[in-house]
Amino acid sequence: MNDLSGSGLLSDPLRTKGTAFSAAERAQQGLRGLLPYSVTTLDEQVRRSWGEIHRQADDLQRYVYLRSLQDRNENLFYAVLAHDVPGSLPLVYTPTVAEGCRRFSELWRRPRGLYLSWPDREHLGEMLRNRPHEDVDVIVVTDGQRILGIGDQGVGGMGIPVGKLSLYTLIGGIDPARTLPVLLDVGTDNADLLDDPFYLGWRHRRIGDDDYFAFVDAFVDAVRAELPDVLLQWEDFATPHAAPILDRYRDRLLTFNDDIQGTAAVALGALRGATRVAGLPLKEQRVVMLGAGSAGIGVMDMVRQEMVDEGLSDREARARCWILDVHGLLTTDRDDLAEDQRAFAHDPADVEEWGVRGLVQLTDVIENLRVGVLLGLSTAQGAFTEEIVRTMAGKVDRPIIFPLSNPTANAEARPADLDSWTDGKVLIATGSPFPPLRRDGADVPVAQCNNVYVFPAVGLAVTAARANRVTNAMMRAAARALGDASPALSDAEAPLLPEWANVRDVADGIALAVARQAVADGVAPDASDDELRAAVRDTRWTPGY
């Protein structure tokens, strides 16, 4: 690969400089005549690219342009993103990536990553050996079944691993040549895709669970054989599969599920800042979650563990956690709960005196309890109604309300409404980006509980520290480090989470905390803080020629 020259060098996205090749380089590497005469700098290329971005008609076209730029010149792509991190994140990931996944087959340009399809299941090892680059630090894998809040996108789900790994590099400094997006194509139950003549995936209904788990097991075996030290991140798997997969492999390889653990860590990080501003520790709060999928359960389990770490017994902590699904409150007399949901189910006697007929709903919980924290991972647009929010705000001084569902259209409430209904007392974090609030003539940014605060830092930490597992304590260390970086700790009117412009610096601090915890947990070689700090610094890749 290193002897590439001429058009081959120009076409290599990891090695090309485009018009930035100097006159001497053009002469030495067979590039004369293949480029316009003028030699430009990387900074000039970045400015030209941003001009092109701004000329696009809408965010989807900007997404397409940036993905095309990534395919042409990765150094320039990441330099462009780094030039304006706050402006870049919505274009390469949420919310725009959702439409990119919906229209994946229509927008197809060129392959990136690996597509491992059920009909080719006998060749998983061969397909992994066909990966573009030999050495890989991070794999992000999805089966496309539960993409953000838009559901089954089949092969279109590949937009998520590609987008996530872009952020591993931009925020966490993982070398893009050492990342690998993977799509497990086990069919789709999306009728529109099955009927779409341009659909690029395996045109078949999703396989049954027995075959599905066998396929995942074979994939993991192939990864362990080919890349035994790689960090494997599970992304956007449906609730019936997400937790069982994590439980099955978390003690067998370096792995975590970002929807379960990453979402939990960033939510807990924002909660740590919010509870300190509210003046009431988490262990003294009642926390209500609307949404009992893998993400909702994952958040509440980390909240429960944090309450235990603050001094409560496990039983006392669970008594303060209330979870509702589409049917209502999780209670022990329901026969439709998964094992992880049942762990948070309340005894019906806990609510008997409320006098509710049928299943207890969110309105009932808010009316009958003094709730300080209300979280949403339900994808139920507008579920946090004015009545619910005003009732909650009438019982606590600083209500903490996080409508965390993605994309924006699925949020449980709009921040501006929450602010109005609580007379500005609410402490807010959202799952998708929203415009700033207007308070006393000034704009106040709304904190976005985006997993990008956590997962790139975890990738940087485990790579730098040479960890062989991701422990729950490591994820809580990430949450605590994020909470400690909350701007609201020094200004109660500031956002609960750091500005996007500072997210890469914040990631270094989180990575150090995670690496330190990995050493303490015995899943990484012994190292001092100075050694870990140096390892984090030396691992970070930055774009440049």
Protein backbone atom coordinates (compact mmCIF):
# COMPACT_ATOMS: atom_id res chain seq x y z
CA MET A 1 0.00 0.00 0.00
CA ASN A 2 2.86 2.41 0.84
CA ASP A 3 4.20 2.27 -2.73
CA LEU A 4 1.07 3.79 -4.19
CA SER A 5 1.66 6.59 -6.66
CA GLY A 6 -0.14 8.48 -9.38
CA SER A 7 -3.88 8.03 -9.63
CA GLY A 8 -3.77 5.18 -7.11
CA LEU A 9 -2.38 7.55 -4.48
CA LEU A 10 -4.95 10.21 -5.33
CA SER A 11 -7.73 7.64 -4.94
CA ASP A 12 -6.57 6.39 -1.52
CA PRO A 13 -8.75 8.31 0.99
CA LEU A 14 -6.29 7.77 3.84
CA ARG A 15 -3.17 8.96 1.98
CA THR A 16 -4.34 11.50 -0.54
CA LYS A 17 -3.77 15.22 -0.02
CA GLY A 18 -5.67 16.25 -3.12
CA THR A 19 -4.59 19.70 -4.24
CA ALA A 20 -2.33 20.01 -1.18
CA PHE A 21 0.40 17.81 -2.71
CA SER A 22 3.46 20.04 -3.11
CA ALA A 23 5.24 20.50 -6.41
CA ALA A 24 8.04 18.22 -5.19
CA GLU A 25 5.59 15.53 -4.12
CA ARG A 26 3.82 15.72 -7.47
CA ALA A 27 7.12 15.16 -9.22
CA GLN A 28 8.23 12.32 -6.94
CA GLN A 29 4.93 10.44 -6.84
CA GLY A 30 3.77 10.54 -10.44
CA LEU A 31 1.14 13.21 -9.91
CA ARG A 32 2.17 15.78 -12.51
CA GLY A 33 -0.75 16.56 -14.76
CA LEU A 34 -3.25 14.82 -12.51
CA LEU A 35 -4.02 17.94 -10.46
CA PRO A 36 -4.60 21.64 -11.19
CA TYR A 37 -1.36 23.63 -10.98
CA SER A 38 -2.12 25.55 -7.76
CA VAL A 39 -1.01 24.01 -4.46
CA THR A 40 -3.41 24.65 -1.56
CA THR A 41 -3.10 24.21 2.19
CA LEU A 42 -5.30 21.98 4.35
CA ASP A 43 -6.82 25.11 5.86
CA GLU A 44 -7.76 26.40 2.41
CA GLN A 45 -9.29 23.02 1.56
CA VAL A 46 -11.33 23.15 4.79
CA ARG A 47 -12.66 26.62 3.99
CA ARG A 48 -13.55 25.58 0.44
CA SER A 49 -15.34 22.48 1.76
CA TRP A 50 -17.39 24.49 4.25
CA GLY A 51 -18.39 26.80 1.42
CA GLU A 52 -19.65 23.77 -0.47
CA ILE A 53 -21.48 22.50 2.61
CA HIS A 54 -23.30 25.79 3.03
CA ARG A 55 -24.34 25.76 -0.64
CA GLN A 56 -26.20 22.46 -0.25
CA ALA A 57 -30.00 22.71 -0.31
CA ASP A 58 -30.68 20.96 3.01
CA ASP A 59 -29.08 18.91 5.79
CA LEU A 60 -29.56 15.60 3.98
CA GLN A 61 -27.58 16.91 1.02
CA ARG A 62 -24.93 18.17 3.44
CA TYR A 63 -24.83 14.67 4.96
CA VAL A 64 -24.38 13.16 1.49
CA TYR A 65 -21.64 15.66 0.63
CA LEU A 66 -19.73 14.92 3.84
CA ARG A 67 -19.98 11.16 3.36
CA SER A 68 -18.66 11.61 -0.18
CA LEU A 69 -15.81 13.73 1.17
CA GLN A 70 -14.98 11.00 3.68
CA ASP A 71 -14.76 8.51 0.84
CA ARG A 72 -12.41 10.81 -1.08
CA ASN A 73 -10.12 12.25 1.61
CA GLU A 74 -10.37 11.21 5.25
CA ASN A 75 -7.84 13.72 6.58
CA LEU A 76 -9.75 16.57 4.98
CA PHE A 77 -13.09 15.12 6.16
CA TYR A 78 -11.98 15.13 9.79
CA ALA A 79 -10.31 18.50 9.49
CA VAL A 80 -13.61 19.89 8.18
CA LEU A 81 -15.54 18.39 11.11
CA ALA A 82 -12.98 19.62 13.63
CA HIS A 83 -13.21 23.15 12.22
CA ASP A 84 -16.82 23.39 13.47
CA VAL A 85 -17.70 20.54 15.81
CA PRO A 86 -21.09 21.98 16.88
CA GLY A 87 -22.11 22.50 13.25
CA SER A 88 -20.78 19.12 12.13
CA LEU A 89 -22.36 16.78 14.68
CA PRO A 90 -26.00 17.18 13.50
CA LEU A 91 -24.88 16.66 9.90
CA VAL A 92 -22.88 13.45 10.31
CA TYR A 93 -24.99 11.95 13.10
CA THR A 94 -28.29 12.72 14.82
CA PRO A 95 -30.69 13.90 13.63
CA THR A 96 -29.67 13.85 9.93
CA VAL A 97 -28.32 10.29 9.99
CA ALA A 98 -31.88 9.01 10.52
CA GLU A 99 -32.93 10.18 7.05
CA GLY A 100 -29.63 8.88 5.69
CA CYS A 101 -30.51 5.42 7.00
CA ARG A 102 -34.05 5.61 5.62
CA ARG A 103 -32.70 6.40 2.17
CA PHE A 104 -29.52 4.33 2.35
CA SER A 105 -30.14 2.26 -0.80
CA GLU A 106 -31.22 5.34 -2.76
CA LEU A 107 -28.14 7.32 -1.67
CA TRP A 108 -25.63 4.49 -2.11
CA ARG A 109 -22.26 5.67 -3.43
CA ARG A 110 -19.51 3.24 -2.48
CA PRO A 111 -18.98 0.50 0.13
CA ARG A 112 -17.59 1.18 3.59
CA GLY A 113 -17.12 -1.53 6.19
CA LEU A 114 -18.40 -5.11 6.06
CA TYR A 115 -21.85 -6.47 5.24
CA LEU A 116 -22.22 -9.90 6.81
CA SER A 117 -25.35 -11.52 5.41
CA TRP A 118 -27.20 -14.57 6.66
CA PRO A 119 -27.04 -16.39 3.29
CA ASP A 120 -23.22 -16.13 3.48
CA ARG A 121 -23.03 -17.32 7.09
CA GLU A 122 -20.58 -20.12 6.26
CA HIS A 123 -18.01 -17.52 5.19
CA LEU A 124 -17.87 -15.19 8.20
CA GLY A 125 -14.16 -15.72 8.76
CA GLU A 126 -13.40 -15.07 5.10
CA MET A 127 -15.51 -11.90 5.12
CA LEU A 128 -13.73 -10.57 8.20
CA ARG A 129 -10.38 -11.29 6.53
CA ASN A 130 -11.60 -9.17 3.61
CA ARG A 131 -11.69 -6.10 5.87
CA PRO A 132 -10.05 -3.04 4.30
CA HIS A 133 -7.35 -2.70 6.98
CA GLU A 134 -5.54 -5.40 8.90
CA ASP A 135 -5.31 -3.72 12.31
CA VAL A 136 -8.57 -2.64 13.95
CA ASP A 137 -9.08 -1.03 17.35
CA VAL A 138 -12.86 -0.49 17.27
CA ILE A 139 -15.77 -2.27 15.57
CA VAL A 140 -19.30 -0.86 15.70
CA VAL A 141 -21.89 -3.45 14.68
CA THR A 142 -25.65 -3.25 14.15
CA ASP A 143 -28.34 -5.48 12.69
CA GLY A 144 -30.40 -2.45 11.65
CA GLN A 145 -33.52 -3.50 13.56
CA ARG A 146 -34.00 -0.56 15.91
CA ILE A 147 -32.38 2.46 14.32
CA LEU A 148 -32.71 5.52 16.55
CA GLY A 149 -36.46 6.09 16.88
CA ILE A 150 -37.31 5.10 13.30
CA GLY A 151 -37.32 1.32 13.61
CA ASP A 152 -36.22 -1.44 11.27
CA GLN A 153 -34.04 -0.12 8.45
CA GLY A 154 -32.42 -3.39 7.41
CA VAL A 155 -29.17 -2.84 5.56
CA GLY A 156 -29.75 0.91 5.83
CA GLY A 157 -28.71 0.59 9.45
CA MET A 158 -25.09 0.70 8.23
CA GLY A 159 -25.38 4.49 8.42
CA ILE A 160 -25.20 4.19 12.20
CA PRO A 161 -21.86 2.32 12.56
CA VAL A 162 -20.33 4.57 9.89
CA GLY A 163 -21.56 7.66 11.73
CA LYS A 164 -20.56 6.39 15.18
CA LEU A 165 -17.04 5.57 14.04
CA SER A 166 -16.69 9.03 12.52
CA LEU A 167 -17.30 10.35 16.03
CA TYR A 168 -14.88 7.85 17.57
CA THR A 169 -12.26 9.52 15.39
CA LEU A 170 -13.41 13.14 15.62
CA ILE A 171 -14.00 13.14 19.40
CA GLY A 172 -11.99 10.20 20.70
CA GLY A 173 -9.05 10.41 18.33
CA ILE A 174 -9.23 6.79 17.16
CA ASP A 175 -7.23 6.37 13.94
CA PRO A 176 -9.84 6.04 11.14
CA ALA A 177 -7.69 3.37 9.50
CA ARG A 178 -8.20 1.25 12.64
CA THR A 179 -12.01 1.34 12.70
CA LEU A 180 -14.49 -1.06 11.11
CA PRO A 181 -18.26 -0.62 10.67
CA VAL A 182 -20.19 -3.89 10.42
CA LEU A 183 -23.79 -4.64 9.38
CA LEU A 184 -25.31 -8.02 10.27
CA ASP A 185 -27.86 -8.49 7.48
CA VAL A 186 -30.39 -10.97 8.83
CA GLY A 187 -33.32 -9.65 6.79
CA THR A 188 -35.87 -6.96 7.54
CA ASP A 189 -39.50 -6.85 8.61
CA ASN A 190 -39.93 -3.41 7.07
CA ALA A 191 -42.51 -4.02 4.33
CA ASP A 192 -41.58 -0.83 2.49
CA LEU A 193 -37.99 -2.01 2.16
CA LEU A 194 -39.00 -5.50 1.06
CA ASP A 195 -41.10 -3.91 -1.68
CA ASP A 196 -38.45 -1.38 -2.68
CA PRO A 197 -36.87 -2.45 -6.00
CA PHE A 198 -33.66 -0.60 -5.07
CA TYR A 199 -33.24 -2.13 -1.60
CA LEU A 200 -29.64 -3.37 -1.33
CA GLY A 201 -29.99 -5.81 1.56
CA TRP A 202 -31.05 -9.45 1.72
CA ARG A 203 -34.69 -9.24 0.63
CA HIS A 204 -36.20 -11.54 3.23
CA ARG A 205 -38.10 -11.37 6.52
CA ARG A 206 -35.88 -11.40 9.60
CA ILE A 207 -34.71 -14.83 10.68
CA GLY A 208 -36.06 -16.47 13.85
CA ASP A 209 -34.33 -16.12 17.20
CA ASP A 210 -32.68 -19.54 17.22
CA ASP A 211 -30.96 -18.85 13.91
CA TYR A 212 -30.35 -15.24 14.89
CA PHE A 213 -28.46 -15.96 18.11
CA ALA A 214 -26.48 -18.72 16.40
CA PHE A 215 -25.46 -16.23 13.72
CA VAL A 216 -24.40 -13.64 16.31
CA ASP A 217 -22.44 -16.33 18.16
CA ALA A 218 -20.66 -17.30 14.93
CA PHE A 219 -19.89 -13.63 14.27
CA VAL A 220 -18.38 -13.20 17.74
CA ASP A 221 -16.30 -16.36 17.31
CA ALA A 222 -14.99 -15.01 14.00
CA VAL A 223 -14.14 -11.65 15.58
CA ARG A 224 -12.32 -13.35 18.47
CA ALA A 225 -10.32 -15.43 16.01
CA GLU A 226 -9.42 -12.55 13.69
CA LEU A 227 -9.27 -9.56 16.07
CA PRO A 228 -9.05 -10.81 19.67
CA ASP A 229 -8.16 -7.41 21.15
CA VAL A 230 -10.71 -5.26 19.33
CA LEU A 231 -13.36 -3.18 21.11
CA LEU A 232 -16.74 -4.43 19.85
CA GLN A 233 -19.62 -1.99 20.30
CA TRP A 234 -23.21 -3.19 19.81
CA GLU A 235 -25.48 -0.54 18.37
CA ASP A 236 -29.24 -0.21 17.78
CA PHE A 237 -30.26 -3.80 18.48
CA ALA A 238 -33.92 -4.40 19.34
CA THR A 239 -34.86 -4.80 23.00
CA PRO A 240 -35.38 -8.61 22.89
CA HIS A 241 -31.83 -9.02 21.56
CA ALA A 242 -29.81 -6.14 23.04
CA ALA A 243 -29.57 -7.15 26.70
CA PRO A 244 -29.18 -10.91 26.07
CA ILE A 245 -26.33 -10.24 23.63
CA LEU A 246 -24.57 -7.94 26.08
CA ASP A 247 -25.03 -10.38 28.97
CA ARG A 248 -23.75 -13.27 26.85
CA TYR A 249 -20.50 -11.65 25.70
CA ARG A 250 -19.57 -8.92 28.19
CA ASP A 251 -17.33 -11.26 30.20
CA ARG A 252 -15.86 -12.96 27.14
CA LEU A 253 -14.46 -10.03 25.18
CA LEU A 254 -13.90 -6.28 25.16
CA THR A 255 -17.42 -5.11 24.45
CA PHE A 256 -20.29 -2.84 25.45
CA ASN A 257 -23.71 -1.78 24.20
CA ASP A 258 -23.91 1.95 23.62
CA ASP A 259 -27.72 2.08 23.73
CA ILE A 260 -27.75 0.41 27.14
CA GLN A 261 -24.51 1.54 28.77
CA GLY A 262 -23.54 4.64 26.79
CA THR A 263 -27.00 6.18 27.04
CA ALA A 264 -27.03 5.36 30.75
CA ALA A 265 -23.63 6.94 31.33
CA VAL A 266 -24.40 10.22 29.58
CA ALA A 267 -27.83 10.45 31.25
CA LEU A 268 -26.28 9.79 34.65
CA GLY A 269 -23.59 12.37 33.92
CA ALA A 270 -26.24 15.00 33.22
CA LEU A 271 -28.22 13.86 36.27
CA ARG A 272 -25.20 14.26 38.54
CA GLY A 273 -24.92 17.87 37.48
CA ALA A 274 -28.68 18.44 37.70
CA THR A 275 -29.09 17.00 41.19
CA ARG A 276 -26.22 19.10 42.49
CA VAL A 277 -27.85 22.22 41.04
CA ALA A 278 -31.22 21.15 42.48
CA GLY A 279 -29.61 20.69 45.89
CA LEU A 280 -30.95 17.16 46.45
CA PRO A 281 -28.67 14.14 45.91
CA LEU A 282 -29.76 11.37 43.58
CA LYS A 283 -30.32 8.94 46.47
CA GLU A 284 -33.06 11.26 47.80
CA GLN A 285 -34.81 11.69 44.46
CA ARG A 286 -37.69 9.69 43.03
CA VAL A 287 -36.83 8.91 39.43
CA VAL A 288 -39.51 8.05 36.86
CA MET A 289 -38.67 6.62 33.45
CA LEU A 290 -41.18 6.52 30.59
CA GLY A 291 -39.86 3.79 28.33
CA ALA A 292 -38.93 0.23 29.29
CA GLY A 293 -36.79 -0.76 26.33
CA SER A 294 -33.13 -1.71 26.62
CA ALA A 295 -32.04 1.94 26.79
CA GLY A 296 -34.58 2.88 29.47
CA ILE A 297 -33.76 -0.13 31.61
CA GLY A 298 -30.05 0.51 31.13
CA VAL A 299 -30.37 4.10 32.35
CA MET A 300 -32.38 3.10 35.39
CA ASP A 301 -30.00 0.31 36.29
CA MET A 302 -27.10 2.76 36.32
CA VAL A 303 -29.20 5.22 38.34
CA ARG A 304 -29.95 2.41 40.81
CA GLN A 305 -26.27 1.54 41.14
CA GLU A 306 -25.35 5.19 41.65
CA MET A 307 -27.95 5.42 44.45
CA VAL A 308 -26.36 2.35 46.04
CA ASP A 309 -22.92 3.95 45.73
CA GLU A 310 -24.36 7.01 47.50
CA GLY A 311 -25.39 4.87 50.46
CA LEU A 312 -28.77 3.23 49.80
CA SER A 313 -29.38 -0.50 49.92
CA ASP A 314 -30.32 -2.13 46.63
CA ARG A 315 -33.91 -2.52 47.85
CA GLU A 316 -34.11 1.15 48.87
CA ALA A 317 -32.71 2.24 45.52
CA ARG A 318 -35.18 0.16 43.51
CA ALA A 319 -38.05 1.58 45.58
CA ARG A 320 -37.10 5.04 44.27
CA CYS A 321 -37.09 3.92 40.61
CA TRP A 322 -40.38 3.83 38.71
CA ILE A 323 -40.61 2.62 35.10
CA LEU A 324 -43.57 2.68 32.72
CA ASP A 325 -43.91 1.11 29.28
CA VAL A 326 -46.56 1.58 26.62
CA HIS A 327 -49.10 -0.24 28.82
CA GLY A 328 -48.32 1.47 32.12
CA LEU A 329 -46.34 0.97 35.32
CA LEU A 330 -44.17 -2.13 35.55
CA THR A 331 -45.70 -4.23 38.35
CA THR A 332 -44.94 -7.72 39.58
CA ASP A 333 -48.40 -9.03 38.65
CA ARG A 334 -47.81 -8.43 34.93
CA ASP A 335 -46.91 -11.48 32.85
CA ASP A 336 -45.51 -9.57 29.86
CA LEU A 337 -42.24 -8.36 31.38
CA ALA A 338 -38.73 -9.41 30.43
CA GLU A 339 -36.32 -10.39 33.19
CA ASP A 340 -34.52 -7.02 33.22
CA GLN A 341 -37.87 -5.20 33.35
CA ARG A 342 -39.17 -7.39 36.16
CA ALA A 343 -36.18 -6.37 38.29
CA PHE A 344 -37.73 -2.87 38.46
CA ALA A 345 -41.37 -3.92 38.83
CA HIS A 346 -43.24 -2.61 41.88
CA ASP A 347 -45.55 -4.65 44.06
CA PRO A 348 -49.18 -3.71 43.22
CA ALA A 349 -49.57 -2.98 46.96
CA ASP A 350 -47.26 0.01 46.47
CA VAL A 351 -49.97 1.77 44.46
CA GLU A 352 -53.12 0.15 45.84
CA GLU A 353 -54.13 3.18 47.88
CA TRP A 354 -54.04 5.35 44.76
CA GLY A 355 -57.37 3.83 43.72
CA VAL A 356 -56.44 3.50 40.06
CA ARG A 357 -58.52 1.12 37.97
CA GLY A 358 -56.43 -0.82 35.48
CA LEU A 359 -52.76 -0.20 34.86
CA VAL A 360 -51.18 2.85 36.49
CA GLN A 361 -50.25 5.53 33.95
CA LEU A 362 -47.70 8.35 34.05
CA THR A 363 -50.32 10.87 35.14
CA ASP A 364 -51.16 8.67 38.14
CA VAL A 365 -47.52 8.40 39.19
CA ILE A 366 -46.92 12.14 38.99
CA GLU A 367 -50.14 12.92 40.87
CA ASN A 368 -49.46 10.49 43.72
CA LEU A 369 -45.70 10.80 44.23
CA ARG A 370 -43.27 13.66 44.77
CA VAL A 371 -41.18 13.06 41.66
CA GLY A 372 -37.98 15.04 41.23
CA VAL A 373 -36.65 13.40 38.05
CA LEU A 374 -38.67 12.53 34.95
CA LEU A 375 -36.88 10.77 32.09
CA GLY A 376 -38.22 9.74 28.69
CA LEU A 377 -36.92 7.03 26.35
CA SER A 378 -40.30 6.07 24.95
CA THR A 379 -40.25 7.65 21.44
CA ALA A 380 -43.77 8.89 22.38
CA GLN A 381 -43.95 12.43 21.05
CA GLY A 382 -45.48 14.88 23.53
CA ALA A 383 -45.93 12.31 26.31
CA PHE A 384 -44.79 14.84 28.92
CA THR A 385 -47.93 16.97 28.79
CA GLU A 386 -48.50 20.38 30.32
CA GLU A 387 -50.67 18.81 33.03
CA ILE A 388 -48.01 16.29 33.99
CA VAL A 389 -45.21 18.85 34.01
CA ARG A 390 -47.14 21.48 35.98
CA THR A 391 -48.17 18.86 38.56
CA MET A 392 -44.57 17.73 38.97
CA ALA A 393 -43.25 21.31 39.18
CA GLY A 394 -45.79 22.11 41.89
CA LYS A 395 -44.15 19.60 44.24
CA VAL A 396 -40.40 20.25 43.79
CA ASP A 397 -38.28 23.39 43.62
CA ARG A 398 -36.18 22.40 40.59
CA PRO A 399 -37.82 19.65 38.50
CA ILE A 400 -35.36 17.64 36.41
CA ILE A 401 -36.92 16.58 33.09
CA PHE A 402 -35.01 14.80 30.32
CA PRO A 403 -36.98 14.02 27.10
CA LEU A 404 -34.30 11.73 25.65
CA SER A 405 -35.99 10.06 22.69
CA ASN A 406 -34.52 10.39 19.18
CA PRO A 407 -34.98 11.79 16.61
CA THR A 408 -36.31 15.26 17.42
CA ALA A 409 -39.85 14.45 16.28
CA ASN A 410 -40.08 11.68 18.90
CA ALA A 411 -39.12 13.80 21.92
CA GLU A 412 -41.50 13.54 24.88
CA ALA A 413 -41.62 17.35 25.16
CA ARG A 414 -40.07 20.48 23.70
CA PRO A 415 -37.65 22.33 25.99
CA ALA A 416 -39.36 25.68 25.38
CA ASP A 417 -42.66 24.22 26.62
CA LEU A 418 -41.02 22.68 29.68
CA ASP A 419 -39.41 26.00 30.50
CA SER A 420 -42.72 27.84 30.13
CA TRP A 421 -44.76 25.33 32.14
CA THR A 422 -42.31 25.45 35.07
CA ASP A 423 -41.68 29.22 35.05
CA GLY A 424 -38.04 28.63 34.17
CA LYS A 425 -37.34 26.29 37.11
CA VAL A 426 -36.78 23.14 35.05
CA LEU A 427 -33.38 21.52 34.54
CA ILE A 428 -33.38 20.04 31.03
CA ALA A 429 -31.37 17.68 28.90
CA THR A 430 -32.66 16.23 25.63
CA GLY A 431 -31.77 13.36 23.34
CA SER A 432 -31.84 15.41 20.14
CA PRO A 433 -30.67 18.96 19.41
CA PHE A 434 -33.11 21.79 20.15
CA PRO A 435 -32.86 25.56 19.79
CA PRO A 436 -31.68 27.50 22.85
CA LEU A 437 -34.15 28.75 25.43
CA ARG A 438 -34.81 32.45 25.70
CA ARG A 439 -34.50 33.66 29.30
CA ASP A 440 -34.28 37.29 30.41
CA GLY A 441 -33.34 38.41 26.93
CA ALA A 442 -30.49 35.89 26.57
CA ASP A 443 -30.16 32.57 24.78
CA VAL A 444 -29.54 29.56 27.03
CA PRO A 445 -28.33 26.44 25.20
CA VAL A 446 -30.19 23.19 25.87
CA ALA A 447 -27.94 20.32 26.95
CA GLN A 448 -28.13 17.36 24.60
CA CYS A 449 -27.65 13.95 26.22
CA ASN A 450 -25.85 12.65 23.18
CA ASN A 451 -23.82 9.49 23.68
CA VAL A 452 -20.97 11.20 21.84
CA TYR A 453 -19.90 12.56 25.23
CA VAL A 454 -19.09 9.03 26.37
CA PHE A 455 -18.49 6.33 23.75
CA PRO A 456 -15.54 8.01 21.94
CA ALA A 457 -13.86 8.56 25.31
CA VAL A 458 -14.42 4.90 26.24
CA GLY A 459 -12.82 3.85 22.93
CA LEU A 460 -9.87 6.12 23.57
CA ALA A 461 -9.52 4.85 27.14
CA VAL A 462 -9.55 1.13 26.41
CA THR A 463 -7.20 1.57 23.45
CA ALA A 464 -4.75 3.68 25.45
CA ALA A 465 -4.90 1.54 28.61
CA ARG A 466 -4.94 -1.78 26.68
CA ALA A 467 -8.01 -2.93 28.60
CA ASN A 468 -9.49 -6.36 27.90
CA ARG A 469 -12.99 -5.71 29.29
CA VAL A 470 -15.45 -2.85 29.75
CA THR A 471 -16.83 -3.00 33.30
CA ASN A 472 -19.91 -1.31 34.72
CA ALA A 473 -17.64 0.66 37.03
CA MET A 474 -15.76 2.02 34.01
CA MET A 475 -19.03 3.33 32.54
CA ARG A 476 -19.97 4.95 35.87
CA ALA A 477 -16.52 6.52 35.98
CA ALA A 478 -17.30 8.05 32.59
CA ALA A 479 -20.62 9.36 33.92
CA ARG A 480 -19.00 10.90 36.99
CA ALA A 481 -16.28 12.58 34.96
CA LEU A 482 -18.92 13.99 32.63
CA GLY A 483 -21.00 15.21 35.57
CA ASP A 484 -17.94 16.89 37.06
CA ALA A 485 -17.51 18.82 33.78
CA SER A 486 -21.05 20.26 33.93
CA PRO A 487 -21.03 24.05 33.34
CA ALA A 488 -24.12 24.26 35.58
CA LEU A 489 -21.96 23.53 38.62
CA SER A 490 -20.47 27.01 38.40
CA ASP A 491 -23.51 28.74 36.86
CA ALA A 492 -26.97 27.37 37.67
CA GLU A 493 -28.35 28.95 34.47
CA ALA A 494 -25.77 27.23 32.27
CA PRO A 495 -26.42 23.96 30.39
CA LEU A 496 -26.03 20.68 32.26
CA LEU A 497 -23.46 19.37 29.78
CA PRO A 498 -20.34 20.93 28.21
CA GLU A 499 -20.49 22.84 24.95
CA TRP A 500 -19.88 20.81 21.79
CA ALA A 501 -16.93 23.05 20.99
CA ASN A 502 -15.19 21.62 24.09
CA VAL A 503 -16.23 18.00 23.69
CA ARG A 504 -12.83 16.72 22.53
CA ASP A 505 -11.08 18.19 25.57
CA VAL A 506 -13.81 16.76 27.80
CA ALA A 507 -13.27 13.36 26.16
CA ASP A 508 -9.64 13.35 27.26
CA GLY A 509 -10.70 13.84 30.88
CA ILE A 510 -13.34 11.12 30.65
CA ALA A 511 -10.87 8.76 28.96
CA LEU A 512 -8.39 9.25 31.80
CA ALA A 513 -11.10 8.47 34.39
CA VAL A 514 -12.18 5.35 32.49
CA ALA A 515 -8.60 4.18 32.01
CA ARG A 516 -7.90 4.72 35.70
CA GLN A 517 -10.96 2.63 36.59
CA ALA A 518 -9.89 -0.11 34.16
CA VAL A 519 -6.60 -0.41 36.03
CA ALA A 520 -8.44 -0.41 39.38
CA ASP A 521 -10.78 -3.14 38.14
CA GLY A 522 -7.86 -5.30 37.05
CA VAL A 523 -8.84 -5.35 33.38
CA ALA A 524 -5.86 -3.27 32.21
CA PRO A 525 -2.13 -3.45 33.00
CA ASP A 526 -0.93 -1.48 36.03
CA ALA A 527 -0.11 2.12 35.15
CA SER A 528 0.25 5.40 37.00
CA ASP A 529 -1.90 8.43 36.29
CA ASP A 530 1.02 10.05 34.46
CA GLU A 531 1.48 6.95 32.32
CA LEU A 532 -2.24 6.77 31.53
CA ARG A 533 -2.34 10.48 30.70
CA ALA A 534 0.59 10.04 28.32
CA ALA A 535 -1.01 6.96 26.75
CA VAL A 536 -4.24 8.86 26.12
CA ARG A 537 -2.29 11.70 24.55
CA ASP A 538 -0.18 9.41 22.38
CA THR A 539 -3.16 7.35 21.21
CA ARG A 540 -5.11 10.36 19.94
CA TRP A 541 -5.05 10.69 16.13
CA THR A 542 -5.45 14.14 14.59
CA PRO A 543 -6.05 14.97 10.92
CA GLY A 544 -3.22 16.50 8.95
CA TYR A 545 -0.90 16.05 5.99
